[in-house]
Amino acid sequence: MPPLEAFDAGTDEYPDRSATVIVQVAALAAGAGKRLTGPGIAGEGRLSVDGLPERFWTGLRENHTRFPRGVDVILASPASVAALPRTTLVEN
């Protein structure tokens, strides 16, 4: 998978012109794993993802710092889907 910065991040004037990246993963599970915070998440959430290298998570944290620019990410497994907009802060 290319790094997230390879995708169109929009501009400060038109952040809505950014890319939405859909990533197929082996499995998703709520309740454990990475800590997620941000708009739309009451308090915090936890998400465990099988099939992503650590460099993906580093790129996602860097993507968050580019707000209002940045890409939105959708993780899709055979059984579930998780949306991670650019406003989501991901921590270990």
PDB file of N, CA and C in Angstrom:
ATOM      1  N   MET A   1       0.840  -1.171   0.000  1.00  0.00           N
ATOM      2  CA  MET A   1       0.000   0.000   0.000  1.00  0.00           C
ATOM      3  C   MET A   1       0.886   1.235   0.000  1.00  0.00           C
ATOM      4  N   PRO A   2       0.571   2.219  -0.840  1.00  0.00           N
ATOM      5  CA  PRO A   2       1.340   3.466  -0.818  1.00  0.00           C
ATOM      6  C   PRO A   2       1.129   4.199   0.513  1.00  0.00           C
ATOM      7  N   PRO A   3       2.058   5.043   0.893  1.00  0.00           N
ATOM      8  CA  PRO A   3       1.854   5.832   2.111  1.00  0.00           C
ATOM      9  C   PRO A   3       0.665   6.780   1.933  1.00  0.00           C
ATOM     10  N   LEU A   4      -0.004   7.143   3.027  1.00  0.00           N
ATOM     11  CA  LEU A   4      -1.179   7.997   2.938  1.00  0.00           C
ATOM     12  C   LEU A   4      -0.876   9.357   2.319  1.00  0.00           C
ATOM     13  N   GLU A   5       0.348   9.863   2.513  1.00  0.00           N
ATOM     14  CA  GLU A   5       0.679  11.166   1.930  1.00  0.00           C
ATOM     15  C   GLU A   5       0.761  11.122   0.403  1.00  0.00           C
ATOM     16  N   ALA A   6       0.720   9.940  -0.183  1.00  0.00           N
ATOM     17  CA  ALA A   6       0.716   9.816  -1.642  1.00  0.00           C
ATOM     18  C   ALA A   6      -0.655  10.140  -2.234  1.00  0.00           C
ATOM     19  N   PHE A   7      -1.702  10.163  -1.398  1.00  0.00           N
ATOM     20  CA  PHE A   7      -3.049  10.436  -1.870  1.00  0.00           C
ATOM     21  C   PHE A   7      -3.363  11.925  -1.734  1.00  0.00           C
ATOM     22  N   ASP A   8      -4.299  12.411  -2.546  1.00  0.00           N
ATOM     23  CA  ASP A   8      -4.674  13.829  -2.547  1.00  0.00           C
ATOM     24  C   ASP A   8      -5.260  14.219  -1.198  1.00  0.00           C
ATOM     25  N   ALA A   9      -4.662  15.221  -0.559  1.00  0.00           N
ATOM     26  CA  ALA A   9      -5.096  15.692   0.755  1.00  0.00           C
ATOM     27  C   ALA A   9      -5.984  16.921   0.676  1.00  0.00           C
ATOM     28  N   GLY A  10      -6.357  17.349  -0.543  1.00  0.00           N
ATOM     29  CA  GLY A  10      -7.131  18.567  -0.678  1.00  0.00           C
ATOM     30  C   GLY A  10      -6.256  19.785  -0.409  1.00  0.00           C
ATOM     31  N   THR A  11      -6.892  20.927  -0.266  1.00  0.00           N
ATOM     32  CA  THR A  11      -6.178  22.166   0.044  1.00  0.00           C
ATOM     33  C   THR A  11      -6.834  22.807   1.259  1.00  0.00           C
ATOM     34  N   ASP A  12      -6.195  23.827   1.823  1.00  0.00           N
ATOM     35  CA  ASP A  12      -6.808  24.533   2.951  1.00  0.00           C
ATOM     36  C   ASP A  12      -8.147  25.145   2.529  1.00  0.00           C
ATOM     37  N   GLU A  13      -8.235  25.627   1.290  1.00  0.00           N
ATOM     38  CA  GLU A  13      -9.464  26.237   0.790  1.00  0.00           C
ATOM     39  C   GLU A  13     -10.515  25.188   0.442  1.00  0.00           C
ATOM     40  N   TYR A  14     -10.095  24.032  -0.035  1.00  0.00           N
ATOM     41  CA  TYR A  14     -11.007  22.969  -0.467  1.00  0.00           C
ATOM     42  C   TYR A  14     -10.589  21.603   0.107  1.00  0.00           C
ATOM     43  N   PRO A  15     -10.689  21.441   1.424  1.00  0.00           N
ATOM     44  CA  PRO A  15     -10.297  20.158   2.014  1.00  0.00           C
ATOM     45  C   PRO A  15     -11.230  19.021   1.598  1.00  0.00           C
ATOM     46  N   ASP A  16     -12.427  19.367   1.125  1.00  0.00           N
ATOM     47  CA  ASP A  16     -13.384  18.345   0.703  1.00  0.00           C
ATOM     48  C   ASP A  16     -12.988  17.671  -0.605  1.00  0.00           C
ATOM     49  N   ARG A  17     -11.968  18.162  -1.251  1.00  0.00           N
ATOM     50  CA  ARG A  17     -11.488  17.569  -2.499  1.00  0.00           C
ATOM     51  C   ARG A  17     -10.416  16.502  -2.260  1.00  0.00           C
ATOM     52  N   SER A  18     -10.280  16.088  -1.024  1.00  0.00           N
ATOM     53  CA  SER A  18      -9.274  15.076  -0.691  1.00  0.00           C
ATOM     54  C   SER A  18      -9.786  13.676  -1.017  1.00  0.00           C
ATOM     55  N   ALA A  19      -8.872  12.733  -0.973  1.00  0.00           N
ATOM     56  CA  ALA A  19      -9.204  11.328  -1.265  1.00  0.00           C
ATOM     57  C   ALA A  19      -9.785  10.639  -0.036  1.00  0.00           C
ATOM     58  N   THR A  20     -10.603   9.650  -0.297  1.00  0.00           N
ATOM     59  CA  THR A  20     -11.024   8.693   0.714  1.00  0.00           C
ATOM     60  C   THR A  20     -10.369   7.377   0.336  1.00  0.00           C
ATOM     61  N   VAL A  21      -9.584   6.830   1.249  1.00  0.00           N
ATOM     62  CA  VAL A  21      -8.825   5.613   0.987  1.00  0.00           C
ATOM     63  C   VAL A  21      -9.533   4.439   1.659  1.00  0.00           C
ATOM     64  N   ILE A  22      -9.844   3.415   0.868  1.00  0.00           N
ATOM     65  CA  ILE A  22     -10.465   2.207   1.398  1.00  0.00           C
ATOM     66  C   ILE A  22      -9.402   1.115   1.453  1.00  0.00           C
ATOM     67  N   VAL A  23      -9.208   0.565   2.645  1.00  0.00           N
ATOM     68  CA  VAL A  23      -8.164  -0.429   2.868  1.00  0.00           C
ATOM     69  C   VAL A  23      -8.806  -1.746   3.308  1.00  0.00           C
ATOM     70  N   GLN A  24      -8.513  -2.816   2.575  1.00  0.00           N
ATOM     71  CA  GLN A  24      -9.007  -4.135   2.954  1.00  0.00           C
ATOM     72  C   GLN A  24      -8.079  -4.718   4.011  1.00  0.00           C
ATOM     73  N   VAL A  25      -8.671  -5.178   5.120  1.00  0.00           N
ATOM     74  CA  VAL A  25      -7.905  -5.778   6.214  1.00  0.00           C
ATOM     75  C   VAL A  25      -8.475  -7.160   6.531  1.00  0.00           C
ATOM     76  N   ALA A  26      -7.696  -7.958   7.235  1.00  0.00           N
ATOM     77  CA  ALA A  26      -8.114  -9.320   7.556  1.00  0.00           C
ATOM     78  C   ALA A  26      -9.253  -9.353   8.569  1.00  0.00           C
ATOM     79  N   ALA A  27      -9.184  -8.481   9.598  1.00  0.00           N
ATOM     80  CA  ALA A  27     -10.212  -8.495  10.643  1.00  0.00           C
ATOM     81  C   ALA A  27     -10.217  -7.180  11.413  1.00  0.00           C
ATOM     82  N   LEU A  28     -11.374  -6.820  11.929  1.00  0.00           N
ATOM     83  CA  LEU A  28     -11.559  -5.649  12.795  1.00  0.00           C
ATOM     84  C   LEU A  28     -12.282  -6.108  14.054  1.00  0.00           C
ATOM     85  N   ALA A  29     -11.907  -5.527  15.195  1.00  0.00           N
ATOM     86  CA  ALA A  29     -12.602  -5.832  16.445  1.00  0.00           C
ATOM     87  C   ALA A  29     -12.589  -4.606  17.339  1.00  0.00           C
ATOM     88  N   ALA A  30     -13.738  -4.243  17.861  1.00  0.00           N
ATOM     89  CA  ALA A  30     -13.850  -3.115  18.779  1.00  0.00           C
ATOM     90  C   ALA A  30     -13.523  -3.570  20.189  1.00  0.00           C
ATOM     91  N   GLY A  31     -13.105  -2.600  21.018  1.00  0.00           N
ATOM     92  CA  GLY A  31     -12.891  -2.885  22.432  1.00  0.00           C
ATOM     93  C   GLY A  31     -11.458  -3.080  22.860  1.00  0.00           C
ATOM     94  N   ALA A  32     -10.553  -3.333  21.928  1.00  0.00           N
ATOM     95  CA  ALA A  32      -9.137  -3.514  22.247  1.00  0.00           C
ATOM     96  C   ALA A  32      -8.330  -2.884  21.126  1.00  0.00           C
ATOM     97  N   GLY A  33      -7.034  -2.745  21.314  1.00  0.00           N
ATOM     98  CA  GLY A  33      -6.175  -2.232  20.254  1.00  0.00           C
ATOM     99  C   GLY A  33      -5.924  -0.741  20.351  1.00  0.00           C
ATOM    100  N   LYS A  34      -5.863  -0.076  19.202  1.00  0.00           N
ATOM    101  CA  LYS A  34      -5.531   1.346  19.131  1.00  0.00           C
ATOM    102  C   LYS A  34      -6.621   2.177  19.809  1.00  0.00           C
ATOM    103  N   ARG A  35      -6.194   3.241  20.477  1.00  0.00           N
ATOM    104  CA  ARG A  35      -7.120   4.178  21.130  1.00  0.00           C
ATOM    105  C   ARG A  35      -7.515   5.242  20.118  1.00  0.00           C
ATOM    106  N   LEU A  36      -8.804   5.460  19.942  1.00  0.00           N
ATOM    107  CA  LEU A  36      -9.327   6.435  18.984  1.00  0.00           C
ATOM    108  C   LEU A  36     -10.086   7.523  19.731  1.00  0.00           C
ATOM    109  N   THR A  37      -9.796   8.782  19.411  1.00  0.00           N
ATOM    110  CA  THR A  37     -10.535   9.906  19.977  1.00  0.00           C
ATOM    111  C   THR A  37     -10.793  10.911  18.857  1.00  0.00           C
ATOM    112  N   GLY A  38     -11.777  11.780  19.094  1.00  0.00           N
ATOM    113  CA  GLY A  38     -12.075  12.825  18.122  1.00  0.00           C
ATOM    114  C   GLY A  38     -13.567  13.031  17.982  1.00  0.00           C
ATOM    115  N   PRO A  39     -13.953  13.970  17.117  1.00  0.00           N
ATOM    116  CA  PRO A  39     -15.375  14.250  16.902  1.00  0.00           C
ATOM    117  C   PRO A  39     -16.127  12.991  16.481  1.00  0.00           C
ATOM    118  N   GLY A  40     -17.306  12.794  17.067  1.00  0.00           N
ATOM    119  CA  GLY A  40     -18.118  11.634  16.739  1.00  0.00           C
ATOM    120  C   GLY A  40     -17.830  10.408  17.587  1.00  0.00           C
ATOM    121  N   ILE A  41     -16.790  10.485  18.429  1.00  0.00           N
ATOM    122  CA  ILE A  41     -16.456   9.370  19.312  1.00  0.00           C
ATOM    123  C   ILE A  41     -16.709   9.841  20.744  1.00  0.00           C
ATOM    124  N   ALA A  42     -17.654   9.217  21.401  1.00  0.00           N
ATOM    125  CA  ALA A  42     -17.964   9.583  22.785  1.00  0.00           C
ATOM    126  C   ALA A  42     -16.831   9.098  23.684  1.00  0.00           C
ATOM    127  N   GLY A  43     -16.073  10.026  24.232  1.00  0.00           N
ATOM    128  CA  GLY A  43     -14.926   9.656  25.074  1.00  0.00           C
ATOM    129  C   GLY A  43     -13.797   9.101  24.232  1.00  0.00           C
ATOM    130  N   GLU A  44     -13.712   7.784  24.181  1.00  0.00           N
ATOM    131  CA  GLU A  44     -12.696   7.125  23.357  1.00  0.00           C
ATOM    132  C   GLU A  44     -13.249   5.805  22.854  1.00  0.00           C
ATOM    133  N   GLY A  45     -12.641   5.301  21.804  1.00  0.00           N
ATOM    134  CA  GLY A  45     -12.956   3.975  21.288  1.00  0.00           C
ATOM    135  C   GLY A  45     -11.667   3.195  21.157  1.00  0.00           C
ATOM    136  N   ARG A  46     -11.789   1.911  21.017  1.00  0.00           N
ATOM    137  CA  ARG A  46     -10.633   1.034  20.803  1.00  0.00           C
ATOM    138  C   ARG A  46     -10.903   0.186  19.577  1.00  0.00           C
ATOM    139  N   LEU A  47      -9.876   0.018  18.744  1.00  0.00           N
ATOM    140  CA  LEU A  47     -10.030  -0.761  17.528  1.00  0.00           C
ATOM    141  C   LEU A  47      -8.793  -1.621  17.301  1.00  0.00           C
ATOM    142  N   SER A  48      -9.024  -2.907  17.176  1.00  0.00           N
ATOM    143  CA  SER A  48      -7.965  -3.853  16.849  1.00  0.00           C
ATOM    144  C   SER A  48      -8.111  -4.214  15.373  1.00  0.00           C
ATOM    145  N   VAL A  49      -7.001  -4.132  14.629  1.00  0.00           N
ATOM    146  CA  VAL A  49      -7.030  -4.382  13.189  1.00  0.00           C
ATOM    147  C   VAL A  49      -5.952  -5.399  12.838  1.00  0.00           C
ATOM    148  N   ASP A  50      -6.333  -6.450  12.163  1.00  0.00           N
ATOM    149  CA  ASP A  50      -5.373  -7.443  11.675  1.00  0.00           C
ATOM    150  C   ASP A  50      -5.084  -7.157  10.211  1.00  0.00           C
ATOM    151  N   GLY A  51      -3.803  -7.103   9.874  1.00  0.00           N
ATOM    152  CA  GLY A  51      -3.438  -6.966   8.475  1.00  0.00           C
ATOM    153  C   GLY A  51      -2.848  -5.636   8.086  1.00  0.00           C
ATOM    154  N   LEU A  52      -2.483  -4.796   9.062  1.00  0.00           N
ATOM    155  CA  LEU A  52      -1.863  -3.504   8.743  1.00  0.00           C
ATOM    156  C   LEU A  52      -0.493  -3.385   9.399  1.00  0.00           C
ATOM    157  N   PRO A  53       0.501  -2.897   8.655  1.00  0.00           N
ATOM    158  CA  PRO A  53       1.817  -2.683   9.255  1.00  0.00           C
ATOM    159  C   PRO A  53       1.803  -1.443  10.152  1.00  0.00           C
ATOM    160  N   GLU A  54       2.742  -1.372  11.073  1.00  0.00           N
ATOM    161  CA  GLU A  54       2.825  -0.223  11.988  1.00  0.00           C
ATOM    162  C   GLU A  54       3.020   1.088  11.223  1.00  0.00           C
ATOM    163  N   ARG A  55       3.681   1.030  10.077  1.00  0.00           N
ATOM    164  CA  ARG A  55       3.898   2.263   9.299  1.00  0.00           C
ATOM    165  C   ARG A  55       2.576   2.889   8.858  1.00  0.00           C
ATOM    166  N   PHE A  56       1.529   2.078   8.681  1.00  0.00           N
ATOM    167  CA  PHE A  56       0.206   2.620   8.361  1.00  0.00           C
ATOM    168  C   PHE A  56      -0.273   3.521   9.494  1.00  0.00           C
ATOM    169  N   TRP A  57      -0.134   3.043  10.740  1.00  0.00           N
ATOM    170  CA  TRP A  57      -0.604   3.817  11.900  1.00  0.00           C
ATOM    171  C   TRP A  57       0.203   5.095  12.072  1.00  0.00           C
ATOM    172  N   THR A  58       1.496   5.025  11.804  1.00  0.00           N
ATOM    173  CA  THR A  58       2.328   6.235  11.850  1.00  0.00           C
ATOM    174  C   THR A  58       1.827   7.241  10.817  1.00  0.00           C
ATOM    175  N   GLY A  59       1.549   6.770   9.614  1.00  0.00           N
ATOM    176  CA  GLY A  59       1.018   7.638   8.570  1.00  0.00           C
ATOM    177  C   GLY A  59      -0.332   8.220   8.919  1.00  0.00           C
ATOM    178  N   LEU A  60      -1.167   7.450   9.601  1.00  0.00           N
ATOM    179  CA  LEU A  60      -2.484   7.947  10.000  1.00  0.00           C
ATOM    180  C   LEU A  60      -2.356   9.041  11.057  1.00  0.00           C
ATOM    181  N   ARG A  61      -1.407   8.874  11.987  1.00  0.00           N
ATOM    182  CA  ARG A  61      -1.174   9.928  12.988  1.00  0.00           C
ATOM    183  C   ARG A  61      -0.654  11.199  12.314  1.00  0.00           C
ATOM    184  N   GLU A  62       0.230  11.063  11.342  1.00  0.00           N
ATOM    185  CA  GLU A  62       0.736  12.226  10.598  1.00  0.00           C
ATOM    186  C   GLU A  62      -0.390  12.874   9.794  1.00  0.00           C
ATOM    187  N   ASN A  63      -1.254  12.069   9.219  1.00  0.00           N
ATOM    188  CA  ASN A  63      -2.394  12.574   8.455  1.00  0.00           C
ATOM    189  C   ASN A  63      -3.264  13.475   9.325  1.00  0.00           C
ATOM    190  N   HIS A  64      -3.486  13.090  10.583  1.00  0.00           N
ATOM    191  CA  HIS A  64      -4.315  13.861  11.516  1.00  0.00           C
ATOM    192  C   HIS A  64      -3.757  15.276  11.718  1.00  0.00           C
ATOM    193  N   THR A  65      -2.442  15.420  11.707  1.00  0.00           N
ATOM    194  CA  THR A  65      -1.823  16.728  11.960  1.00  0.00           C
ATOM    195  C   THR A  65      -1.981  17.683  10.785  1.00  0.00           C
ATOM    196  N   ARG A  66      -2.408  17.198   9.624  1.00  0.00           N
ATOM    197  CA  ARG A  66      -2.553  18.039   8.429  1.00  0.00           C
ATOM    198  C   ARG A  66      -3.905  18.725   8.352  1.00  0.00           C
ATOM    199  N   PHE A  67      -4.793  18.477   9.326  1.00  0.00           N
ATOM    200  CA  PHE A  67      -6.140  19.017   9.300  1.00  0.00           C
ATOM    201  C   PHE A  67      -6.118  20.531   9.067  1.00  0.00           C
ATOM    202  N   PRO A  68      -6.970  21.085   8.196  1.00  0.00           N
ATOM    203  CA  PRO A  68      -8.159  20.498   7.601  1.00  0.00           C
ATOM    204  C   PRO A  68      -7.884  19.642   6.358  1.00  0.00           C
ATOM    205  N   ARG A  69      -6.644  19.639   5.898  1.00  0.00           N
ATOM    206  CA  ARG A  69      -6.309  18.746   4.781  1.00  0.00           C
ATOM    207  C   ARG A  69      -6.099  17.340   5.320  1.00  0.00           C
ATOM    208  N   GLY A  70      -5.994  16.379   4.444  1.00  0.00           N
ATOM    209  CA  GLY A  70      -5.752  15.001   4.847  1.00  0.00           C
ATOM    210  C   GLY A  70      -6.751  14.069   4.190  1.00  0.00           C
ATOM    211  N   VAL A  71      -6.463  12.803   4.255  1.00  0.00           N
ATOM    212  CA  VAL A  71      -7.357  11.805   3.670  1.00  0.00           C
ATOM    213  C   VAL A  71      -8.226  11.181   4.759  1.00  0.00           C
ATOM    214  N   ASP A  72      -9.374  10.701   4.357  1.00  0.00           N
ATOM    215  CA  ASP A  72     -10.235   9.927   5.231  1.00  0.00           C
ATOM    216  C   ASP A  72     -10.013   8.462   4.884  1.00  0.00           C
ATOM    217  N   VAL A  73     -10.056   7.590   5.892  1.00  0.00           N
ATOM    218  CA  VAL A  73      -9.744   6.176   5.683  1.00  0.00           C
ATOM    219  C   VAL A  73     -10.933   5.321   6.095  1.00  0.00           C
ATOM    220  N   ILE A  74     -11.237   4.344   5.269  1.00  0.00           N
ATOM    221  CA  ILE A  74     -12.236   3.335   5.595  1.00  0.00           C
ATOM    222  C   ILE A  74     -11.523   1.987   5.612  1.00  0.00           C
ATOM    223  N   LEU A  75     -11.627   1.293   6.742  1.00  0.00           N
ATOM    224  CA  LEU A  75     -11.058  -0.055   6.864  1.00  0.00           C
ATOM    225  C   LEU A  75     -12.190  -1.052   6.665  1.00  0.00           C
ATOM    226  N   ALA A  76     -11.988  -2.010   5.778  1.00  0.00           N
ATOM    227  CA  ALA A  76     -13.032  -2.985   5.470  1.00  0.00           C
ATOM    228  C   ALA A  76     -12.497  -4.394   5.652  1.00  0.00           C
ATOM    229  N   SER A  77     -13.180  -5.158   6.488  1.00  0.00           N
ATOM    230  CA  SER A  77     -12.851  -6.577   6.664  1.00  0.00           C
ATOM    231  C   SER A  77     -14.023  -7.379   6.105  1.00  0.00           C
ATOM    232  N   PRO A  78     -13.887  -8.695   6.010  1.00  0.00           N
ATOM    233  CA  PRO A  78     -15.008  -9.495   5.518  1.00  0.00           C
ATOM    234  C   PRO A  78     -16.282  -9.343   6.352  1.00  0.00           C
ATOM    235  N   ALA A  79     -16.145  -9.011   7.641  1.00  0.00           N
ATOM    236  CA  ALA A  79     -17.311  -8.962   8.522  1.00  0.00           C
ATOM    237  C   ALA A  79     -17.720  -7.570   8.982  1.00  0.00           C
ATOM    238  N   SER A  80     -16.861  -6.554   8.813  1.00  0.00           N
ATOM    239  CA  SER A  80     -17.194  -5.236   9.348  1.00  0.00           C
ATOM    240  C   SER A  80     -16.424  -4.125   8.648  1.00  0.00           C
ATOM    241  N   VAL A  81     -16.828  -2.887   8.973  1.00  0.00           N
ATOM    242  CA  VAL A  81     -16.225  -1.701   8.385  1.00  0.00           C
ATOM    243  C   VAL A  81     -15.981  -0.689   9.500  1.00  0.00           C
ATOM    244  N   ALA A  82     -14.874   0.064   9.408  1.00  0.00           N
ATOM    245  CA  ALA A  82     -14.584   1.146  10.351  1.00  0.00           C
ATOM    246  C   ALA A  82     -14.145   2.368   9.561  1.00  0.00           C
ATOM    247  N   ALA A  83     -14.765   3.504   9.841  1.00  0.00           N
ATOM    248  CA  ALA A  83     -14.402   4.756   9.178  1.00  0.00           C
ATOM    249  C   ALA A  83     -13.519   5.574  10.116  1.00  0.00           C
ATOM    250  N   LEU A  84     -12.382   6.030   9.591  1.00  0.00           N
ATOM    251  CA  LEU A  84     -11.440   6.848  10.358  1.00  0.00           C
ATOM    252  C   LEU A  84     -11.235   8.154   9.605  1.00  0.00           C
ATOM    253  N   PRO A  85     -12.082   9.162   9.869  1.00  0.00           N
ATOM    254  CA  PRO A  85     -11.880  10.453   9.204  1.00  0.00           C
ATOM    255  C   PRO A  85     -10.589  11.109   9.675  1.00  0.00           C
ATOM    256  N   ARG A  86     -10.141  12.091   8.938  1.00  0.00           N
ATOM    257  CA  ARG A  86      -8.884  12.791   9.263  1.00  0.00           C
ATOM    258  C   ARG A  86      -8.900  13.428  10.639  1.00  0.00           C
ATOM    259  N   THR A  87     -10.077  13.630  11.213  1.00  0.00           N
ATOM    260  CA  THR A  87     -10.190  14.232  12.551  1.00  0.00           C
ATOM    261  C   THR A  87      -9.955  13.230  13.668  1.00  0.00           C
ATOM    262  N   THR A  88      -9.855  11.944  13.338  1.00  0.00           N
ATOM    263  CA  THR A  88      -9.636  10.913  14.355  1.00  0.00           C
ATOM    264  C   THR A  88      -8.183  10.856  14.772  1.00  0.00           C
ATOM    265  N   LEU A  89      -7.937  10.950  16.059  1.00  0.00           N
ATOM    266  CA  LEU A  89      -6.592  10.815  16.610  1.00  0.00           C
ATOM    267  C   LEU A  89      -6.386   9.361  17.030  1.00  0.00           C
ATOM    268  N   VAL A  90      -5.335   8.746  16.532  1.00  0.00           N
ATOM    269  CA  VAL A  90      -5.039   7.333  16.828  1.00  0.00           C
ATOM    270  C   VAL A  90      -3.798   7.268  17.727  1.00  0.00           C
ATOM    271  N   GLU A  91      -3.931   6.555  18.843  1.00  0.00           N
ATOM    272  CA  GLU A  91      -2.811   6.354  19.757  1.00  0.00           C
ATOM    273  C   GLU A  91      -2.681   4.878  20.070  1.00  0.00           C
ATOM    274  N   ASN A  92      -1.488   4.442  20.441  1.00  0.00           N
ATOM    275  CA  ASN A  92      -1.279   3.031  20.799  1.00  0.00           C
ATOM    276  C   ASN A  92      -1.929   2.675  22.099  1.00  0.00           C
TER     277      ASN A  92
END
